[in-house]
Amino acid sequence: MGESEDVPKDFIKLKSEKLSVDEVSELVISPYCGAVSLFVGTTRNNFEGKKVIHLEYEAYNSMAETEIKKICRDIRQKWLSVKHIAVHHRLGVVPVTEASVIIAVSSPHRAESLEAVTYCINTLKASVPIWKKEIYEDEYSWKENKECFWANSGK
């Protein structure tokens, strides 16, 4: 495969179906890269002593995709060696132990891909309009991302 055949790509998907770590990691594999770093955010069964039944996510899809594209551009400016980036986020109901978000980044060396994955999830939580509702046994709660600049602007 020539260098021109492995042009850097961004794979962004918001979907209601179950996310696959294998599918997302395969998107970013490149013969030019020795590292694929992943972040998988899953639904846990508890929060502050309450039993979590499942999570529900909603998004302003077009704006969320635009914001994720900006994050990808920022990553490429900060870590020039990054090859491919994949960000898949699940919408709707996400049962306990299943993935809500999977991020994968490939680069020639691990440091860049690990740093880029960390930056991606932190920035996504701070700037992308995706809302999480935690469903407990007897109640529910919409969760605000503490990192989110637009949710905290009036505080």
Protein backbone atom coordinates (compact mmCIF):
# COMPACT_ATOMS: atom_id res chain seq x y z
CA MET A 1 0.00 0.00 0.00
CA GLY A 2 1.39 3.40 -0.96
CA GLU A 3 1.34 6.38 1.42
CA SER A 4 -1.35 8.02 -0.73
CA GLU A 5 -3.60 4.99 -0.18
CA ASP A 6 -3.47 5.42 3.60
CA VAL A 7 -4.59 9.04 3.86
CA PRO A 8 -5.49 10.11 7.42
CA LYS A 9 -9.21 9.63 8.06
CA ASP A 10 -11.73 10.47 10.76
CA PHE A 11 -14.54 8.02 11.47
CA ILE A 12 -17.38 9.63 13.42
CA LYS A 13 -20.61 7.82 14.19
CA LEU A 14 -23.56 8.40 16.49
CA LYS A 15 -25.80 5.33 16.57
CA SER A 16 -28.38 3.52 18.68
CA GLU A 17 -26.97 0.04 18.07
CA LYS A 18 -24.43 -1.69 20.29
CA LEU A 19 -20.86 -0.43 19.76
CA SER A 20 -18.04 -2.81 18.81
CA VAL A 21 -14.47 -2.36 20.06
CA ASP A 22 -13.23 -4.60 17.24
CA GLU A 23 -15.03 -2.58 14.57
CA VAL A 24 -13.76 0.76 15.88
CA SER A 25 -10.16 -0.39 16.37
CA GLU A 26 -10.05 -1.94 12.88
CA LEU A 27 -11.02 1.42 11.36
CA VAL A 28 -7.81 3.04 12.56
CA ILE A 29 -5.26 0.29 11.94
CA SER A 30 -2.54 1.36 9.52
CA PRO A 31 0.63 -0.33 8.27
CA TYR A 32 2.42 2.96 9.02
CA CYS A 33 1.47 2.88 12.70
CA GLY A 34 2.78 0.86 15.61
CA ALA A 35 0.15 2.07 18.07
CA VAL A 36 -3.62 1.96 18.32
CA SER A 37 -4.91 3.48 21.55
CA LEU A 38 -8.47 2.99 22.71
CA PHE A 39 -10.82 4.47 25.25
CA VAL A 40 -14.03 2.57 26.01
CA GLY A 41 -16.56 4.25 28.28
CA THR A 42 -19.07 1.75 29.69
CA THR A 43 -22.20 1.90 31.81
CA ARG A 44 -21.46 1.01 35.43
CA ASN A 45 -24.08 -0.44 37.78
CA ASN A 46 -23.84 2.25 40.47
CA PHE A 47 -23.53 5.96 41.12
CA GLU A 48 -23.21 7.55 44.57
CA GLY A 49 -24.74 4.53 46.30
CA LYS A 50 -27.64 4.19 43.86
CA LYS A 51 -28.17 1.13 41.67
CA VAL A 52 -27.99 2.14 37.99
CA ILE A 53 -30.34 0.14 35.74
CA HIS A 54 -29.12 1.68 32.46
CA LEU A 55 -28.17 4.98 30.83
CA GLU A 56 -29.98 6.87 28.10
CA TYR A 57 -28.18 9.28 25.77
CA GLU A 58 -29.61 12.02 23.59
CA ALA A 59 -27.74 14.28 21.20
CA TYR A 60 -28.16 17.22 18.92
CA ASN A 61 -26.73 15.05 16.14
CA SER A 62 -25.58 17.59 13.55
CA MET A 63 -23.99 19.84 16.16
CA ALA A 64 -22.44 16.85 17.97
CA GLU A 65 -20.85 15.61 14.74
CA THR A 66 -19.56 19.12 13.96
CA GLU A 67 -18.00 19.40 17.42
CA ILE A 68 -16.38 15.96 17.14
CA LYS A 69 -14.91 16.96 13.75
CA LYS A 70 -13.40 20.03 15.46
CA ILE A 71 -11.85 17.78 18.10
CA CYS A 72 -10.32 15.64 15.34
CA ARG A 73 -8.88 18.75 13.68
CA ASP A 74 -7.43 19.89 17.01
CA ILE A 75 -5.84 16.47 17.54
CA ARG A 76 -4.22 16.61 14.12
CA GLN A 77 -2.77 20.07 14.90
CA LYS A 78 -1.42 18.98 18.31
CA TRP A 79 -0.13 15.53 17.31
CA LEU A 80 1.05 15.70 13.71
CA SER A 81 1.87 11.99 13.50
CA VAL A 82 -1.70 10.81 14.26
CA LYS A 83 -2.99 8.77 11.33
CA HIS A 84 -6.63 7.77 11.88
CA ILE A 85 -9.21 8.77 14.49
CA ALA A 86 -12.50 7.00 15.25
CA VAL A 87 -15.17 8.30 17.63
CA HIS A 88 -18.33 6.22 18.00
CA HIS A 89 -20.96 7.26 20.55
CA ARG A 90 -24.09 5.31 21.34
CA LEU A 91 -27.45 7.04 21.67
CA GLY A 92 -30.59 5.74 23.33
CA VAL A 93 -30.52 3.05 26.01
CA VAL A 94 -27.11 1.68 27.04
CA PRO A 95 -27.32 -1.30 29.45
CA VAL A 96 -24.85 -1.90 32.28
CA THR A 97 -21.42 -3.14 31.00
CA GLU A 98 -22.06 -1.98 27.43
CA ALA A 99 -20.07 0.80 25.74
CA SER A 100 -21.42 4.34 25.52
CA VAL A 101 -18.38 5.68 23.68
CA ILE A 102 -15.38 4.17 21.92
CA ILE A 103 -12.47 6.29 20.75
CA ALA A 104 -9.52 4.89 18.79
CA VAL A 105 -6.43 6.70 17.50
CA SER A 106 -3.51 5.32 15.52
CA SER A 107 -0.02 6.79 15.32
CA PRO A 108 3.51 5.55 14.64
CA HIS A 109 4.33 5.58 18.38
CA ARG A 110 2.22 5.10 21.53
CA ALA A 111 2.80 8.45 23.25
CA GLU A 112 0.94 10.45 20.58
CA SER A 113 -2.02 8.09 20.32
CA LEU A 114 -2.40 7.80 24.12
CA GLU A 115 -2.27 11.58 24.55
CA ALA A 116 -4.69 12.11 21.67
CA VAL A 117 -7.23 9.62 23.06
CA THR A 118 -7.12 11.33 26.47
CA TYR A 119 -7.55 14.75 24.87
CA CYS A 120 -10.42 13.44 22.72
CA ILE A 121 -12.55 12.03 25.56
CA ASN A 122 -11.92 15.01 27.84
CA THR A 123 -12.78 17.51 25.11
CA LEU A 124 -15.79 15.49 23.95
CA LYS A 125 -17.25 15.54 27.47
CA ALA A 126 -16.57 19.28 27.74
CA SER A 127 -17.92 20.46 24.39
CA VAL A 128 -20.15 17.98 22.54
CA PRO A 129 -23.95 18.28 22.98
CA ILE A 130 -24.67 14.74 24.16
CA TRP A 131 -26.81 14.36 27.28
CA LYS A 132 -26.87 11.43 29.69
CA LYS A 133 -29.82 10.27 31.78
CA GLU A 134 -29.09 7.77 34.56
CA ILE A 135 -31.98 5.41 35.29
CA TYR A 136 -31.99 4.07 38.86
CA GLU A 137 -34.31 1.56 40.51
CA ASP A 138 -36.81 4.19 41.73
CA GLU A 139 -35.86 7.41 39.95
CA TYR A 140 -33.77 8.96 37.21
CA SER A 141 -31.37 11.87 36.88
CA TRP A 142 -30.10 13.89 33.93
CA LYS A 143 -26.34 14.16 34.40
CA GLU A 144 -24.41 17.29 33.63
CA ASN A 145 -20.80 16.89 32.55
CA LYS A 146 -18.77 18.78 35.12
CA GLU A 147 -16.30 19.59 32.33
CA CYS A 148 -18.97 21.01 30.02
CA PHE A 149 -18.35 24.71 29.36
CA TRP A 150 -21.82 25.49 27.94
CA ALA A 151 -23.70 23.85 30.82
CA ASN A 152 -21.68 25.80 33.41
CA SER A 153 -21.65 29.19 31.69
CA GLY A 154 -24.37 30.68 33.91
CA LYS A 155 -22.93 29.46 37.21
